[in-house]
C-alpha atoms as a PDB file:
ATOM      1  CA  MET A   1      23.733   3.844  30.018  1.00  0.00           C
ATOM      2  CA  THR A   2      21.054   3.594  32.658  1.00  0.00           C
ATOM      3  CA  VAL A   3      17.371   3.121  31.969  1.00  0.00           C
ATOM      4  CA  GLN A   4      16.683   6.645  33.191  1.00  0.00           C
ATOM      5  CA  THR A   5      19.199   8.115  30.735  1.00  0.00           C
ATOM      6  CA  LEU A   6      17.734   6.048  27.928  1.00  0.00           C
ATOM      7  CA  LEU A   7      14.253   7.340  28.742  1.00  0.00           C
ATOM      8  CA  VAL A   8      15.478  10.944  28.707  1.00  0.00           C
ATOM      9  CA  VAL A   9      17.086  10.365  25.298  1.00  0.00           C
ATOM     10  CA  VAL A  10      13.859   8.810  23.998  1.00  0.00           C
ATOM     11  CA  ALA A  11      11.869  11.774  25.336  1.00  0.00           C
ATOM     12  CA  GLY A  12      14.247  14.211  23.645  1.00  0.00           C
ATOM     13  CA  ALA A  13      14.077  12.364  20.338  1.00  0.00           C
ATOM     14  CA  ALA A  14      10.282  12.275  20.524  1.00  0.00           C
ATOM     15  CA  VAL A  15      10.159  16.024  21.159  1.00  0.00           C
ATOM     16  CA  VAL A  16      12.324  16.634  18.089  1.00  0.00           C
ATOM     17  CA  TRP A  17      10.031  14.332  16.086  1.00  0.00           C
ATOM     18  CA  GLY A  18       6.981  16.265  17.298  1.00  0.00           C
ATOM     19  CA  VAL A  19       8.509  19.652  16.538  1.00  0.00           C
ATOM     20  CA  VAL A  20       9.374  18.554  13.000  1.00  0.00           C
ATOM     21  CA  ALA A  21       5.823  17.235  12.534  1.00  0.00           C
ATOM     22  CA  GLY A  22       4.469  20.556  13.826  1.00  0.00           C
ATOM     23  CA  ILE A  23       6.567  22.545  11.383  1.00  0.00           C
ATOM     24  CA  LEU A  24       5.438  20.302   8.541  1.00  0.00           C
ATOM     25  CA  ILE A  25       1.804  20.850   9.592  1.00  0.00           C
ATOM     26  CA  PHE A  26       2.423  24.602   9.624  1.00  0.00           C
ATOM     27  CA  GLU A  27       3.895  24.420   6.115  1.00  0.00           C
ATOM     28  CA  ALA A  28       1.027  22.264   4.829  1.00  0.00           C
ATOM     29  CA  LEU A  29      -1.500  24.814   6.069  1.00  0.00           C
ATOM     30  CA  ARG A  30       0.508  27.684   4.613  1.00  0.00           C
ATOM     31  CA  ARG A  31       0.704  25.960   1.210  1.00  0.00           C
ATOM     32  CA  LYS A  32      -3.071  25.508   1.237  1.00  0.00           C
ATOM     33  CA  GLY A  33      -3.430  29.274   1.624  1.00  0.00           C
ATOM     34  CA  LEU A  34      -4.740  29.227   5.186  1.00  0.00           C
ATOM     35  CA  THR A  35      -3.779  31.988   7.590  1.00  0.00           C
ATOM     36  CA  THR A  36      -0.754  31.073   9.705  1.00  0.00           C
ATOM     37  CA  SER A  37       1.728  33.111  11.699  1.00  0.00           C
ATOM     38  CA  PHE A  38       5.283  31.916  12.213  1.00  0.00           C
ATOM     39  CA  LEU A  39       5.735  34.516  14.943  1.00  0.00           C
ATOM     40  CA  TRP A  40       2.985  32.897  17.041  1.00  0.00           C
ATOM     41  CA  ILE A  41       3.656  29.264  16.069  1.00  0.00           C
ATOM     42  CA  ARG A  42       4.339  28.132  19.639  1.00  0.00           C
ATOM     43  CA  LEU A  43       1.092  29.606  20.914  1.00  0.00           C
ATOM     44  CA  PHE A  44      -1.136  28.485  18.042  1.00  0.00           C
ATOM     45  CA  MET A  45       0.339  25.032  17.334  1.00  0.00           C
ATOM     46  CA  PRO A  46      -2.568  23.135  18.980  1.00  0.00           C
ATOM     47  CA  PHE A  47      -4.965  25.198  16.841  1.00  0.00           C
ATOM     48  CA  TYR A  48      -2.906  24.498  13.701  1.00  0.00           C
ATOM     49  CA  VAL A  49      -2.864  20.762  14.437  1.00  0.00           C
ATOM     50  CA  HIS A  50      -6.641  20.751  14.861  1.00  0.00           C
ATOM     51  CA  ARG A  51      -7.120  22.805  11.706  1.00  0.00           C
ATOM     52  CA  TYR A  52      -4.849  20.424   9.768  1.00  0.00           C
ATOM     53  CA  SER A  53      -6.945  17.504  10.992  1.00  0.00           C
ATOM     54  CA  VAL A  54     -10.193  19.158   9.909  1.00  0.00           C
ATOM     55  CA  VAL A  55      -8.876  20.325   6.527  1.00  0.00           C
ATOM     56  CA  THR A  56      -7.388  16.961   5.569  1.00  0.00           C
ATOM     57  CA  ARG A  57     -10.536  15.163   6.710  1.00  0.00           C
ATOM     58  CA  GLU A  58     -12.637  17.447   4.514  1.00  0.00           C
ATOM     59  CA  GLU A  59     -10.338  16.959   1.515  1.00  0.00           C
ATOM     60  CA  THR A  60      -9.722  13.217   1.654  1.00  0.00           C
ATOM     61  CA  GLY A  61     -12.164  11.811   4.170  1.00  0.00           C
ATOM     62  CA  ARG A  62      -9.277  10.814   6.465  1.00  0.00           C
ATOM     63  CA  THR A  63      -7.125  12.700   8.908  1.00  0.00           C
ATOM     64  CA  GLY A  64      -3.682  13.498   7.505  1.00  0.00           C
ATOM     65  CA  PRO A  65      -0.681  11.477   8.702  1.00  0.00           C
ATOM     66  CA  LEU A  66       1.148  14.467  10.186  1.00  0.00           C
ATOM     67  CA  PHE A  67      -1.588  14.775  12.808  1.00  0.00           C
ATOM     68  CA  TYR A  68      -0.776  11.302  14.109  1.00  0.00           C
ATOM     69  CA  HIS A  69       2.969  11.985  13.976  1.00  0.00           C
ATOM     70  CA  PHE A  70       2.471  15.069  16.129  1.00  0.00           C
ATOM     71  CA  VAL A  71       0.166  13.462  18.694  1.00  0.00           C
ATOM     72  CA  ILE A  72       2.069  10.192  19.024  1.00  0.00           C
ATOM     73  CA  ALA A  73       5.446  11.928  19.304  1.00  0.00           C
ATOM     74  CA  PHE A  74       4.396  14.142  22.179  1.00  0.00           C
ATOM     75  CA  ASN A  75       2.602  11.299  23.958  1.00  0.00           C
ATOM     76  CA  ILE A  76       5.788   9.227  23.773  1.00  0.00           C
ATOM     77  CA  ALA A  77       7.792  12.193  25.069  1.00  0.00           C
ATOM     78  CA  LEU A  78       5.400  12.677  27.974  1.00  0.00           C
ATOM     79  CA  LEU A  79       5.383   9.001  28.876  1.00  0.00           C
ATOM     80  CA  ALA A  80       9.177   8.682  28.698  1.00  0.00           C
ATOM     81  CA  ALA A  81       9.704  11.821  30.785  1.00  0.00           C
ATOM     82  CA  LEU A  82       7.240  10.645  33.431  1.00  0.00           C
ATOM     83  CA  LEU A  83       8.890   7.229  33.612  1.00  0.00           C
ATOM     84  CA  ALA A  84      12.342   8.841  33.889  1.00  0.00           C
ATOM     85  CA  ALA A  85      11.097  11.086  36.686  1.00  0.00           C
ATOM     86  CA  ALA A  86       9.523   8.121  38.475  1.00  0.00           C
ATOM     87  CA  LEU A  87      12.761   6.145  38.226  1.00  0.00           C
ATOM     88  CA  ALA A  88      14.701   9.103  39.624  1.00  0.00           C
ATOM     89  CA  HIS A  89      12.694   8.894  42.835  1.00  0.00           C
ATOM     90  CA  LEU A  90      13.201   5.161  43.409  1.00  0.00           C
END
């Protein structure tokens, strides 16, 4: 397995991690009785993540852990994909 392949696998795993975190954020907001739409989840996910951050900060004084799971996962995916693309052009 080459480094480029490993980076693509890491990026894919991070995307799955981020999607799961996003769905869990959606469910947490829905359980709290806030307006959410599963039909528009892909469009409104950044809004839902921000709303989750605000709501959990108001409730507990700290941002909820799913916010960090979402942000870190997609940053890892972006970094791994960029590194894989850079290695492809060497």
